[in-house]
N, C-alpha and C. Protein backbone atom coordinates (compact mmCIF):
# COMPACT_ATOMS: atom_id res chain seq x y z
N UNK A 1 144.93 -15.78 22.57
CA UNK A 1 145.83 -14.87 23.72
C UNK A 1 145.79 -13.15 22.83
N UNK A 2 145.45 -12.56 23.86
CA UNK A 2 145.51 -11.21 23.43
C UNK A 2 146.98 -10.27 24.42
N UNK A 3 147.44 -10.11 23.24
CA UNK A 3 149.01 -9.62 24.04
C UNK A 3 148.69 -8.01 24.06
N UNK A 4 148.70 -7.00 25.45
CA UNK A 4 148.63 -5.93 25.65
C UNK A 4 149.64 -5.92 27.03
N UNK A 5 149.78 -4.02 27.26
CA UNK A 5 150.65 -4.03 27.94
C UNK A 5 149.76 -3.86 29.25
N UNK A 6 148.44 -3.50 29.25
CA UNK A 6 148.07 -3.44 30.66
C UNK A 6 146.91 -3.90 30.84
N UNK A 7 146.45 -4.82 31.01
CA UNK A 7 145.29 -6.07 31.14
C UNK A 7 143.90 -5.46 31.59
N UNK A 8 144.27 -4.56 32.49
CA UNK A 8 142.79 -4.27 33.06
C UNK A 8 142.39 -3.18 32.09
N UNK A 9 143.34 -2.37 32.10
CA UNK A 9 142.99 -1.09 30.60
C UNK A 9 142.35 -1.57 29.85
N UNK A 10 142.92 -2.34 29.06
CA UNK A 10 142.87 -3.18 27.64
C UNK A 10 141.27 -3.54 28.13
N UNK A 11 140.82 -4.60 28.76
CA UNK A 11 139.83 -5.03 29.31
C UNK A 11 138.27 -4.06 29.16
N UNK A 12 138.50 -2.93 30.12
CA UNK A 12 137.79 -1.51 30.24
C UNK A 12 137.56 -1.20 28.83
N UNK A 13 138.84 -0.96 28.33
CA UNK A 13 138.21 -0.26 26.88
C UNK A 13 137.58 -1.11 25.89
N UNK A 14 137.33 -1.84 25.74
CA UNK A 14 137.10 -2.98 24.85
C UNK A 14 135.10 -2.91 25.03
N UNK A 15 134.91 -2.94 26.64
CA UNK A 15 134.06 -2.89 27.70
C UNK A 15 133.36 -1.71 26.99
N UNK A 16 134.15 -0.44 27.00
CA UNK A 16 133.43 0.59 26.70
C UNK A 16 133.16 0.78 24.83
N UNK A 17 133.54 0.45 24.06
CA UNK A 17 133.62 -0.04 22.37
C UNK A 17 132.25 -0.85 22.46
N UNK A 18 132.16 -2.26 23.32
CA UNK A 18 131.57 -2.72 22.82
C UNK A 18 129.54 -2.29 23.44
N UNK A 19 130.18 -1.21 24.83
CA UNK A 19 128.65 -0.35 25.10
C UNK A 19 128.47 0.87 24.12
N UNK A 20 129.59 1.66 23.37
CA UNK A 20 129.15 2.37 22.31
C UNK A 20 128.22 1.29 21.23
N UNK A 21 128.91 0.08 20.89
CA UNK A 21 128.79 -0.56 19.74
C UNK A 21 126.86 -1.03 20.16
N UNK A 22 126.53 -1.41 21.29
CA UNK A 22 124.89 -1.87 21.50
C UNK A 22 124.23 -1.08 21.17
N UNK A 23 124.36 0.66 21.88
CA UNK A 23 124.12 1.66 21.04
C UNK A 23 122.42 1.40 22.08
N UNK A 24 122.49 1.12 23.28
CA UNK A 24 120.99 0.94 24.18
C UNK A 24 121.13 1.55 25.43
N UNK A 25 119.98 1.73 25.99
CA UNK A 25 120.05 2.64 26.98
C UNK A 25 120.98 1.76 28.05
N UNK A 26 121.38 2.59 29.22
CA UNK A 26 122.09 2.32 30.21
C UNK A 26 121.78 2.88 31.12
N UNK A 27 121.47 2.09 32.50
CA UNK A 27 120.89 2.55 33.92
C UNK A 27 121.45 2.11 34.37
N UNK A 28 122.62 3.20 35.43
CA UNK A 28 123.63 3.22 36.58
C UNK A 28 123.00 2.96 37.81
N UNK A 29 123.35 2.26 38.96
CA UNK A 29 122.85 1.93 40.15
C UNK A 29 124.00 2.49 41.29
N UNK A 30 123.81 3.15 42.41
CA UNK A 30 124.83 3.03 43.25
C UNK A 30 124.00 3.42 44.27
N UNK A 31 124.34 3.23 45.81
CA UNK A 31 124.22 3.61 47.10
C UNK A 31 125.08 2.40 48.03
N UNK A 32 124.61 3.33 49.22
CA UNK A 32 125.37 2.52 49.78
C UNK A 32 124.77 1.42 50.79
N UNK A 33 123.26 1.47 50.59
CA UNK A 33 122.66 0.42 50.71
C UNK A 33 122.08 -0.98 49.64
N UNK A 34 121.30 -1.97 49.43
CA UNK A 34 120.42 -2.28 48.48
C UNK A 34 121.16 -1.90 46.74
N UNK A 35 121.99 -1.68 46.64
CA UNK A 35 121.99 -1.98 45.07
C UNK A 35 121.52 -2.97 44.17
N UNK A 36 122.39 -3.88 45.06
CA UNK A 36 121.91 -5.36 44.69
C UNK A 36 120.74 -5.81 44.08
N UNK A 37 120.14 -5.72 45.21
CA UNK A 37 118.36 -5.89 45.07
C UNK A 37 117.64 -5.09 44.19
N UNK A 38 117.73 -3.93 44.19
CA UNK A 38 117.49 -2.60 43.08
C UNK A 38 117.85 -2.89 42.31
N UNK A 39 119.29 -3.05 41.59
CA UNK A 39 119.42 -3.41 40.88
C UNK A 39 118.55 -4.84 39.85
N UNK A 40 118.13 -5.68 40.94
CA UNK A 40 117.86 -6.95 40.30
C UNK A 40 116.49 -6.90 40.11
N UNK A 41 115.49 -5.35 40.75
CA UNK A 41 114.60 -5.17 40.42
C UNK A 41 114.56 -4.48 39.00
N UNK A 42 114.81 -3.51 39.10
CA UNK A 42 114.76 -2.55 38.05
C UNK A 42 115.30 -3.58 36.84
N UNK A 43 115.92 -4.98 36.30
CA UNK A 43 116.10 -5.24 35.42
C UNK A 43 114.58 -5.85 35.64
N UNK A 44 113.68 -6.54 36.03
CA UNK A 44 112.83 -6.88 36.43
C UNK A 44 111.50 -6.96 35.59
N UNK A 45 111.75 -5.17 36.21
CA UNK A 45 110.31 -4.25 35.75
C UNK A 45 110.97 -4.23 34.17
N UNK A 46 111.85 -3.73 33.58
CA UNK A 46 112.28 -3.08 32.03
C UNK A 46 112.00 -4.49 31.38
N UNK A 47 112.09 -5.41 31.97
CA UNK A 47 112.49 -6.91 31.49
C UNK A 47 110.74 -7.19 30.99
N UNK A 48 109.72 -6.70 31.69
CA UNK A 48 108.83 -6.94 30.87
C UNK A 48 108.18 -6.15 29.47
N UNK A 49 109.12 -5.00 28.99
CA UNK A 49 109.57 -4.87 27.71
C UNK A 49 110.51 -4.55 26.75
N UNK A 50 111.41 -4.83 27.76
CA UNK A 50 112.77 -4.99 27.10
C UNK A 50 113.72 -5.85 27.32
N UNK A 51 115.03 -5.96 25.92
CA UNK A 51 115.15 -6.93 26.44
C UNK A 51 117.41 -6.34 26.96
N UNK A 52 116.59 -7.23 28.20
CA UNK A 52 117.56 -6.35 29.28
C UNK A 52 119.00 -7.48 30.12
N UNK A 53 119.85 -6.48 30.18
CA UNK A 53 121.19 -7.46 30.38
C UNK A 53 121.79 -6.73 32.41
N UNK A 54 122.33 -7.42 33.06
CA UNK A 54 122.20 -6.77 34.36
C UNK A 54 123.30 -7.54 34.51
N UNK A 55 123.77 -6.82 35.67
CA UNK A 55 125.20 -7.77 36.14
C UNK A 55 124.98 -9.04 36.77
N UNK A 56 125.81 -9.58 37.02
CA UNK A 56 125.61 -11.21 37.66
C UNK A 56 125.66 -10.81 39.24
N UNK A 57 124.78 -11.15 40.40
CA UNK A 57 125.33 -11.23 41.50
C UNK A 57 125.26 -9.74 41.46
N UNK A 58 126.89 -9.37 42.52
CA UNK A 58 127.05 -7.67 42.81
C UNK A 58 128.71 -7.51 41.87
N UNK A 59 128.87 -8.00 41.42
CA UNK A 59 129.55 -8.10 40.01
C UNK A 59 130.37 -5.92 39.73
N UNK A 60 130.68 -5.48 40.38
CA UNK A 60 129.90 -4.27 40.46
C UNK A 60 131.09 -3.09 39.99
N UNK A 61 132.14 -3.94 40.30
CA UNK A 61 133.86 -2.81 40.27
C UNK A 61 134.52 -2.77 39.08
N UNK A 62 135.84 -2.03 39.30
CA UNK A 62 136.28 -2.09 37.83
C UNK A 62 136.59 -3.35 36.70
N UNK A 63 135.99 -4.38 37.48
CA UNK A 63 135.98 -5.72 36.96
C UNK A 63 134.98 -6.24 36.07
N UNK A 64 134.21 -6.26 37.42
CA UNK A 64 133.22 -6.94 37.04
C UNK A 64 132.10 -5.96 36.27
N UNK A 65 132.37 -5.02 36.51
CA UNK A 65 131.46 -3.94 35.21
C UNK A 65 131.83 -4.10 33.54
N UNK A 66 132.66 -4.12 34.00
CA UNK A 66 133.01 -4.08 32.49
C UNK A 66 132.87 -5.62 31.92
N UNK A 67 133.07 -6.65 32.58
CA UNK A 67 132.50 -8.06 32.25
C UNK A 67 131.73 -8.04 32.01
N UNK A 68 130.31 -7.33 33.27
CA UNK A 68 129.26 -7.34 32.40
C UNK A 68 128.40 -6.74 31.45
N UNK A 69 129.21 -5.51 30.65
CA UNK A 69 129.53 -5.40 29.62
C UNK A 69 129.20 -6.17 28.57
N UNK A 70 130.48 -6.69 28.46
CA UNK A 70 131.22 -7.46 27.61
C UNK A 70 130.22 -8.72 27.40
N UNK A 71 129.59 -9.63 28.50
CA UNK A 71 128.78 -10.27 28.26
C UNK A 71 127.42 -10.09 27.90
N UNK A 72 127.05 -9.11 27.33
CA UNK A 72 125.86 -8.45 26.60
C UNK A 72 125.21 -8.77 25.42
N UNK A 73 123.96 -9.71 25.11
CA UNK A 73 123.91 -9.82 23.81
C UNK A 73 123.93 -8.44 22.69
N UNK A 74 123.98 -8.90 21.59
CA UNK A 74 123.68 -8.21 20.35
C UNK A 74 122.98 -7.07 20.74
N UNK A 75 122.07 -7.61 20.29
CA UNK A 75 120.48 -6.93 20.81
C UNK A 75 120.02 -6.57 22.05
N UNK A 76 120.88 -6.49 23.16
CA UNK A 76 120.46 -5.69 24.37
C UNK A 76 119.86 -4.60 24.41
N UNK A 77 118.87 -4.20 24.97
CA UNK A 77 118.28 -3.08 24.87
C UNK A 77 118.24 -1.97 25.77
N UNK A 78 118.93 -2.52 26.62
CA UNK A 78 118.41 -1.87 28.44
C UNK A 78 120.34 -2.56 28.87
N UNK A 79 120.68 -2.33 29.37
CA UNK A 79 121.75 -2.47 30.44
C UNK A 79 121.62 -1.64 31.66
N UNK A 80 121.45 -2.07 32.18
CA UNK A 80 121.08 -2.24 34.38
C UNK A 80 122.56 -2.59 35.23
N UNK A 81 122.97 -1.49 35.59
CA UNK A 81 124.66 -1.56 35.73
C UNK A 81 124.43 -0.70 37.30
N UNK A 82 125.11 -2.20 38.07
CA UNK A 82 125.00 -2.00 39.50
C UNK A 82 126.83 -1.58 39.30
N UNK A 83 126.74 -0.23 39.85
CA UNK A 83 128.11 0.52 40.54
C UNK A 83 128.70 0.31 42.10
N UNK A 84 129.65 -0.33 42.18
CA UNK A 84 130.22 -0.05 43.72
C UNK A 84 131.45 1.05 43.75
N UNK A 85 132.15 1.38 44.77
CA UNK A 85 133.34 2.37 44.85
C UNK A 85 133.80 1.87 46.21
N UNK A 86 134.75 2.13 45.98
CA UNK A 86 135.71 1.85 47.62
C UNK A 86 136.35 3.38 47.76
N UNK A 87 136.61 4.05 46.93
CA UNK A 87 137.30 5.52 47.26
C UNK A 87 136.76 6.67 45.85
N UNK A 88 136.79 8.22 46.33
CA UNK A 88 136.66 8.66 45.14
C UNK A 88 137.11 8.99 43.43
N UNK A 89 136.61 8.75 42.26
CA UNK A 89 136.76 8.81 41.76
C UNK A 89 136.84 7.42 40.85
N UNK A 90 136.21 6.48 41.33
CA UNK A 90 136.10 5.19 40.98
C UNK A 90 134.56 4.77 40.27
N UNK A 91 133.47 5.63 40.76
CA UNK A 91 132.34 5.81 40.42
C UNK A 91 132.30 6.65 39.20
N UNK A 92 133.26 7.35 38.69
CA UNK A 92 133.43 8.67 37.53
C UNK A 92 134.26 7.71 36.22
N UNK A 93 134.93 6.57 36.96
CA UNK A 93 135.66 5.11 35.98
C UNK A 93 134.81 4.59 35.62
N UNK A 94 133.83 4.12 36.61
CA UNK A 94 132.84 3.22 35.72
C UNK A 94 131.75 3.91 34.71
N UNK A 95 131.58 5.21 35.07
CA UNK A 95 131.16 5.74 34.31
C UNK A 95 131.08 6.05 32.41
N UNK A 96 132.36 5.97 33.25
CA UNK A 96 133.36 6.56 31.98
C UNK A 96 133.25 5.31 30.73
N UNK A 97 132.90 4.02 30.95
CA UNK A 97 133.27 3.06 30.61
C UNK A 97 131.75 2.64 30.02
N UNK A 98 130.80 3.07 31.13
CA UNK A 98 129.25 2.41 30.47
C UNK A 98 128.69 3.81 30.14
N UNK A 99 128.84 4.93 30.35
CA UNK A 99 128.13 6.03 29.81
C UNK A 99 126.38 6.02 29.94
N UNK A 100 125.97 6.12 31.40
CA UNK A 100 124.76 5.87 31.55
C UNK A 100 124.16 6.72 31.14
N UNK A 101 122.69 6.55 30.85
CA UNK A 101 121.96 7.50 30.64
C UNK A 101 120.86 8.30 31.82
N UNK A 102 120.61 7.09 32.92
CA UNK A 102 119.79 6.80 33.96
C UNK A 102 120.63 6.50 35.32
N UNK A 103 120.86 7.32 36.35
CA UNK A 103 121.15 7.32 37.24
C UNK A 103 120.66 7.28 38.56
N UNK A 104 120.87 5.87 39.11
CA UNK A 104 119.61 5.80 40.13
C UNK A 104 120.53 5.68 41.53
N UNK A 105 120.09 6.51 42.49
CA UNK A 105 121.24 6.34 43.78
C UNK A 105 119.97 5.62 45.22
N UNK A 106 120.31 4.72 45.72
CA UNK A 106 119.86 4.51 46.79
C UNK A 106 119.40 4.73 48.11
N UNK A 107 120.32 5.29 48.43
CA UNK A 107 120.92 5.98 49.42
C UNK A 107 122.65 6.31 49.73
N UNK A 108 122.50 7.29 50.91
CA UNK A 108 123.59 7.57 50.78
C UNK A 108 123.93 7.14 52.41
N UNK A 109 124.62 6.61 52.73
CA UNK A 109 125.54 6.27 54.33
C UNK A 109 126.68 6.33 54.87
N UNK A 110 127.37 5.38 55.80
CA UNK A 110 128.21 5.40 56.52
C UNK A 110 128.99 4.01 55.54
N UNK A 111 128.62 3.70 54.57
CA UNK A 111 129.74 1.92 54.37
C UNK A 111 130.92 3.12 53.47
N UNK A 112 132.08 1.93 54.08
CA UNK A 112 132.91 3.06 53.58
C UNK A 112 133.83 3.76 53.96
N UNK A 113 133.16 4.00 55.34
CA UNK A 113 133.31 5.52 56.14
C UNK A 113 135.02 5.79 56.17
N UNK A 114 135.73 4.13 57.02
CA UNK A 114 136.53 3.97 56.80
C UNK A 114 137.79 4.39 55.66
N UNK A 115 137.22 4.07 54.56
CA UNK A 115 137.82 4.53 53.57
C UNK A 115 138.19 6.27 53.28
N UNK A 116 136.79 6.87 53.38
CA UNK A 116 136.52 7.80 52.67
C UNK A 116 136.48 9.00 54.08
N UNK A 117 136.64 8.61 54.92
CA UNK A 117 136.57 9.94 55.81
C UNK A 117 135.45 10.58 56.66
N UNK A 118 134.30 10.84 55.75
CA UNK A 118 133.30 11.65 56.54
C UNK A 118 132.13 11.07 54.81
N UNK A 119 131.22 11.40 55.37
CA UNK A 119 130.16 11.34 54.41
C UNK A 119 129.50 11.67 53.61
N UNK A 120 129.93 13.23 54.03
CA UNK A 120 130.12 14.29 52.40
C UNK A 120 131.34 13.60 51.68
N UNK A 121 132.30 12.92 51.94
CA UNK A 121 132.41 12.11 50.56
C UNK A 121 132.40 11.00 50.15
N UNK A 122 131.67 10.33 51.19
CA UNK A 122 130.68 9.19 50.15
C UNK A 122 129.62 9.60 49.73
N UNK A 123 129.19 11.30 49.52
CA UNK A 123 127.81 11.29 48.60
C UNK A 123 128.72 11.65 47.44
N UNK A 124 129.74 12.84 47.62
CA UNK A 124 130.77 13.27 46.72
C UNK A 124 130.69 11.90 45.87
N UNK A 125 131.16 10.65 46.82
CA UNK A 125 131.36 9.64 45.60
C UNK A 125 130.57 9.18 44.66
N UNK A 126 129.42 8.86 45.76
CA UNK A 126 127.72 8.46 45.21
C UNK A 126 127.63 9.39 43.58
N UNK A 127 127.84 10.60 43.90
CA UNK A 127 127.18 11.49 43.19
C UNK A 127 127.73 11.85 41.87
N UNK A 128 129.13 11.13 41.46
CA UNK A 128 129.86 11.07 40.50
C UNK A 128 128.72 10.40 39.39
N UNK A 129 127.90 9.25 39.44
CA UNK A 129 126.51 8.73 38.80
C UNK A 129 126.29 9.70 38.05
N UNK A 130 125.31 10.88 38.92
CA UNK A 130 124.47 11.68 38.71
C UNK A 130 125.39 13.10 37.65
N UNK A 131 126.40 12.81 38.01
CA UNK A 131 127.63 13.89 37.33
C UNK A 131 127.35 14.00 36.10
N UNK A 132 127.72 12.18 35.81
CA UNK A 132 128.51 11.66 34.46
C UNK A 132 126.89 11.76 33.55
N UNK A 133 125.71 12.03 34.08
CA UNK A 133 124.41 11.71 33.32
C UNK A 133 124.92 13.24 31.81
N UNK A 134 124.35 12.63 30.73
CA UNK A 134 124.39 13.48 29.62
C UNK A 134 123.41 14.94 30.07
N UNK A 135 122.90 15.83 29.50
CA UNK A 135 121.97 16.43 28.76
C UNK A 135 120.81 16.26 29.23
N UNK A 136 120.20 15.29 28.66
CA UNK A 136 118.75 14.42 28.62
C UNK A 136 118.58 13.37 29.70
N UNK A 137 119.83 13.23 30.49
CA UNK A 137 119.96 12.15 31.61
C UNK A 137 118.54 12.37 32.35
N UNK A 138 118.34 11.71 33.44
CA UNK A 138 117.43 11.32 34.39
C UNK A 138 117.85 10.60 35.24
N UNK A 139 117.90 11.37 36.93
CA UNK A 139 118.48 11.53 38.23
C UNK A 139 117.21 10.70 38.72
N UNK A 140 116.87 9.09 39.38
CA UNK A 140 116.24 8.74 39.96
C UNK A 140 116.65 8.65 41.68
N UNK A 141 116.37 9.93 42.51
CA UNK A 141 116.79 10.02 43.93
C UNK A 141 115.54 9.55 45.08
N UNK A 142 116.07 8.70 46.18
CA UNK A 142 115.57 8.98 47.20
C UNK A 142 114.72 10.25 48.16
N UNK A 143 113.57 10.48 48.14
CA UNK A 143 113.30 11.85 49.20
C UNK A 143 113.50 11.32 50.63
N UNK A 144 114.27 9.91 51.06
CA UNK A 144 113.88 9.69 52.56
C UNK A 144 115.50 10.34 52.83
N UNK A 145 115.94 10.04 51.94
CA UNK A 145 117.71 10.17 52.47
C UNK A 145 118.16 11.60 51.99
N UNK A 146 118.93 12.31 53.14
CA UNK A 146 118.91 13.91 53.18
C UNK A 146 120.00 13.99 52.37
N UNK A 147 121.54 13.64 52.03
CA UNK A 147 122.02 14.05 50.87
C UNK A 147 121.66 14.00 49.47
N UNK A 148 121.17 12.99 49.43
CA UNK A 148 120.81 12.98 48.00
C UNK A 148 119.46 14.25 47.67
N UNK A 149 118.63 14.64 48.10
CA UNK A 149 117.93 15.60 48.46
C UNK A 149 118.78 16.91 48.13
N UNK A 150 119.73 17.00 49.52
CA UNK A 150 120.46 18.22 49.35
C UNK A 150 121.40 18.17 47.89
N UNK A 151 121.68 17.16 47.61
CA UNK A 151 122.68 17.77 46.19
C UNK A 151 121.74 17.80 44.79
N UNK A 152 120.30 16.94 45.24
CA UNK A 152 119.80 17.25 44.07
C UNK A 152 119.29 18.72 44.16
N UNK A 153 119.31 19.53 44.74
CA UNK A 153 118.79 20.69 44.60
C UNK A 153 119.42 21.66 43.15
N UNK A 154 120.67 21.19 43.26
CA UNK A 154 121.60 21.63 42.34
C UNK A 154 121.53 21.22 41.02
N UNK A 155 120.45 20.69 40.80
CA UNK A 155 120.95 19.61 39.75
C UNK A 155 119.78 20.10 38.39
N UNK A 156 120.47 20.26 37.46
CA UNK A 156 119.54 20.99 35.96
C UNK A 156 119.21 19.98 35.34
N UNK A 157 119.16 18.73 35.45
CA UNK A 157 118.64 17.50 34.46
C UNK A 157 117.52 16.80 35.05
N UNK A 158 116.76 16.23 34.32
CA UNK A 158 115.54 15.71 34.92
C UNK A 158 115.90 14.92 36.17
N UNK A 159 114.82 14.88 36.65
CA UNK A 159 114.53 14.58 38.41
C UNK A 159 113.51 13.54 38.91
N UNK A 160 113.53 12.53 39.18
CA UNK A 160 112.30 11.67 39.58
C UNK A 160 112.47 11.36 41.03
N UNK A 161 111.90 11.64 41.73
CA UNK A 161 111.73 10.96 43.49
C UNK A 161 110.66 10.35 43.59
N UNK A 162 111.51 9.17 44.53
CA UNK A 162 110.31 8.53 45.23
C UNK A 162 110.58 8.05 46.84
N UNK A 163 109.22 7.85 47.02
CA UNK A 163 109.98 7.73 48.76
C UNK A 163 108.67 7.19 49.42
N UNK A 164 109.02 7.15 50.77
CA UNK A 164 107.53 6.87 51.49
C UNK A 164 107.11 7.89 52.40
N UNK A 165 107.02 8.75 53.37
CA UNK A 165 106.89 9.79 53.68
C UNK A 165 107.32 11.08 52.98
N UNK A 166 108.35 11.12 52.44
CA UNK A 166 108.99 12.41 52.02
C UNK A 166 109.70 13.09 52.69
N UNK A 167 110.36 12.69 53.09
CA UNK A 167 110.69 13.39 54.58
C UNK A 167 111.84 14.02 54.13
N UNK A 168 112.91 14.51 52.77
CA UNK A 168 113.47 16.12 52.33
C UNK A 168 112.84 16.46 51.34
N UNK A 169 111.78 15.54 50.59
CA UNK A 169 111.04 16.73 49.64
C UNK A 169 109.99 15.96 49.05
N UNK A 170 108.95 16.18 48.32
CA UNK A 170 107.84 15.41 47.86
C UNK A 170 108.08 14.54 46.86
N UNK A 171 107.67 13.44 47.17
CA UNK A 171 108.00 12.03 45.94
C UNK A 171 107.15 12.32 44.65
N UNK A 172 107.88 12.10 43.42
CA UNK A 172 106.99 11.71 42.53
C UNK A 172 106.35 10.43 42.46
N UNK A 173 106.81 9.35 43.07
CA UNK A 173 106.25 7.85 43.26
C UNK A 173 106.20 7.60 44.83
N UNK A 174 105.05 7.35 45.28
CA UNK A 174 105.20 7.05 46.40
C UNK A 174 104.22 5.97 47.19
N UNK A 175 104.74 5.46 48.08
CA UNK A 175 104.43 4.24 48.57
C UNK A 175 103.10 4.21 50.04
N UNK A 176 101.87 3.73 50.28
CA UNK A 176 101.29 4.30 51.32
C UNK A 176 100.72 2.49 51.69
N UNK A 177 100.30 2.78 52.84
CA UNK A 177 99.43 1.71 53.26
C UNK A 177 100.52 0.28 53.51
N UNK A 178 101.77 0.33 54.12
CA UNK A 178 102.67 0.09 53.98
C UNK A 178 102.44 -0.91 54.77
N UNK A 179 102.21 -2.98 54.72
CA UNK A 179 102.05 -3.37 55.77
C UNK A 179 102.57 -4.79 55.61
N UNK A 180 102.31 -5.52 56.18
CA UNK A 180 103.77 -6.99 56.34
C UNK A 180 102.85 -8.07 55.92
N UNK A 181 103.11 -9.21 55.50
CA UNK A 181 101.87 -10.05 54.92
C UNK A 181 103.03 -11.03 55.31
N UNK A 182 102.29 -11.95 56.67
CA UNK A 182 103.68 -13.08 56.82
C UNK A 182 104.81 -12.47 56.81
N UNK A 183 105.82 -13.42 56.91
CA UNK A 183 107.02 -13.12 56.97
C UNK A 183 108.25 -12.96 56.13
N UNK A 184 107.49 -13.26 54.87
CA UNK A 184 108.24 -12.69 53.33
C UNK A 184 107.43 -11.88 52.39
N UNK A 185 106.38 -11.55 52.74
CA UNK A 185 105.72 -10.47 51.96
C UNK A 185 105.27 -9.33 52.06
N UNK A 186 105.30 -8.07 51.18
CA UNK A 186 105.11 -6.44 51.80
C UNK A 186 104.19 -6.30 50.89
N UNK A 187 103.13 -5.47 51.31
CA UNK A 187 102.15 -5.31 50.35
C UNK A 187 101.78 -3.42 50.57
N UNK A 188 101.85 -2.95 49.86
CA UNK A 188 101.55 -1.44 49.54
C UNK A 188 101.03 -0.84 48.22
N UNK A 189 100.64 0.27 48.54
CA UNK A 189 99.97 1.13 46.95
C UNK A 189 100.76 2.29 46.58
N UNK A 190 101.04 1.99 45.10
CA UNK A 190 102.10 2.81 44.76
C UNK A 190 101.26 3.56 44.08
N UNK A 191 101.79 5.08 43.91
CA UNK A 191 101.04 5.99 43.73
C UNK A 191 102.17 7.06 42.35
N UNK A 192 101.28 7.32 41.65
CA UNK A 192 102.49 8.36 40.45
C UNK A 192 101.23 9.28 39.86
N UNK A 193 101.20 10.32 39.44
CA UNK A 193 100.58 10.69 38.53
C UNK A 193 98.87 10.35 38.76
N UNK A 194 99.00 10.93 39.72
CA UNK A 194 97.47 10.37 40.63
C UNK A 194 96.47 9.34 40.35
N UNK A 195 97.35 8.31 39.54
CA UNK A 195 96.92 6.73 39.69
C UNK A 195 97.74 6.22 40.52
N UNK A 196 97.22 4.82 41.65
CA UNK A 196 97.55 4.38 42.48
C UNK A 196 96.85 2.52 41.66
N UNK A 197 98.17 2.03 42.30
CA UNK A 197 98.05 0.39 42.00
C UNK A 197 98.48 -0.33 43.59
N UNK A 198 97.49 -1.74 43.23
CA UNK A 198 98.18 -2.34 44.39
C UNK A 198 99.90 -3.09 44.14
N UNK A 199 100.70 -3.06 44.98
CA UNK A 199 101.62 -3.87 45.10
C UNK A 199 101.95 -4.68 46.23
N UNK A 200 102.30 -6.28 45.91
CA UNK A 200 102.56 -7.09 46.50
C UNK A 200 104.09 -8.22 46.34
N UNK A 201 104.62 -7.29 46.97
CA UNK A 201 106.22 -7.42 47.00
C UNK A 201 107.33 -8.42 47.57
N UNK A 202 107.64 -9.57 47.09
CA UNK A 202 108.04 -11.00 47.50
C UNK A 202 109.20 -10.47 48.51
N UNK A 203 109.26 -9.24 49.39
CA UNK A 203 110.46 -9.68 50.05
C UNK A 203 109.67 -8.69 51.38
N UNK A 204 110.82 -8.46 52.76
CA UNK A 204 109.80 -8.11 54.21
C UNK A 204 110.58 -6.31 54.13
N UNK A 205 109.57 -5.62 55.00
CA UNK A 205 110.60 -4.52 55.36
C UNK A 205 110.50 -3.51 54.56
N UNK A 206 110.19 -2.25 54.74
CA UNK A 206 110.17 -0.98 54.08
C UNK A 206 111.50 -0.43 53.49
N UNK A 207 112.47 -1.11 53.55
CA UNK A 207 114.10 -1.04 53.24
C UNK A 207 113.50 -1.50 51.21
N UNK A 208 113.37 -2.92 51.79
CA UNK A 208 112.82 -3.57 50.30
C UNK A 208 111.75 -2.78 49.33
N UNK A 209 110.35 -2.05 49.79
CA UNK A 209 109.57 -1.27 49.70
C UNK A 209 110.22 0.06 48.95
N UNK A 210 111.24 0.60 49.63
CA UNK A 210 111.93 1.77 49.07
C UNK A 210 112.66 1.15 47.43
N UNK A 211 113.47 -0.15 47.78
CA UNK A 211 114.26 -0.60 46.33
C UNK A 211 113.55 -0.87 45.35
N UNK A 212 111.51 -1.36 45.77
CA UNK A 212 110.96 -1.56 44.75
C UNK A 212 110.66 -0.13 44.19
N UNK A 213 110.03 0.72 44.84
CA UNK A 213 110.19 2.41 44.38
C UNK A 213 110.66 2.65 43.45
N UNK A 214 112.35 2.57 43.60
CA UNK A 214 113.47 3.01 42.74
C UNK A 214 113.27 2.10 41.40
N UNK A 215 112.91 0.95 41.62
CA UNK A 215 113.29 0.24 40.21
C UNK A 215 111.20 0.39 40.00
N UNK A 216 110.19 0.77 40.16
CA UNK A 216 109.13 1.23 39.27
C UNK A 216 108.86 2.82 39.15
N UNK A 217 109.82 3.52 39.46
CA UNK A 217 110.39 4.68 39.42
C UNK A 217 111.42 4.50 37.81
N UNK A 218 112.25 3.78 38.08
CA UNK A 218 112.49 2.90 36.36
C UNK A 218 112.01 2.66 35.33
N UNK A 219 111.35 2.03 35.63
CA UNK A 219 109.96 1.46 34.47
C UNK A 219 109.04 2.63 34.35
N UNK A 220 108.81 3.68 35.38
CA UNK A 220 108.48 4.86 34.89
C UNK A 220 108.53 5.65 33.97
N UNK A 221 109.95 5.98 34.07
CA UNK A 221 110.86 7.07 33.56
C UNK A 221 111.26 6.21 31.95
N UNK A 222 111.36 4.96 31.44
CA UNK A 222 111.30 4.22 30.75
C UNK A 222 110.04 3.85 29.95
N UNK A 223 108.58 4.02 30.24
CA UNK A 223 107.52 4.04 29.59
C UNK A 223 106.96 2.60 30.20
């Protein structure tokens, strides 16, 4: 037993200490939709080269995120952390614990509109992840998302854009020739730095292609 005045605060402080002790790369992921799928895909891509630890299922809140960090093995090289929120300031608190180097925003929609009041407030809450990144950090953003591209115009840090048609900006990684294969697979071609390769994704739908592009962008940023 460890006796303390506030169990949540102590738990989070322990997680912050362990994150610093690990001295690993941290990738934070948030968004209105697709967080968990994207987190799992990012972890799968980076596990091809690094020792990766990530959230179990969607344990992404003020308890789940520190629990994830504290469960990370000592030799972890990359922490992939999904971050959820129910109000302003909450992602900033998760970032204060985890100190992310790379931030991924899948999209900015209307989830939790009843709590935040407007899409502008939702965007502000999600953007706390990007604002927490260090000077040498990288933001990975979706060109099909209006608010992400609007707010990206003010960024001075590194930016990597991904998308399908590049509705609001030109993507650095783009998918073309997207087509379903049966009911469970989607095929597409990904292009980056003028190089292309085919992808067969074991998930249906363009929304999952976007999540896969976010994961491929994370792999691109991490070599």
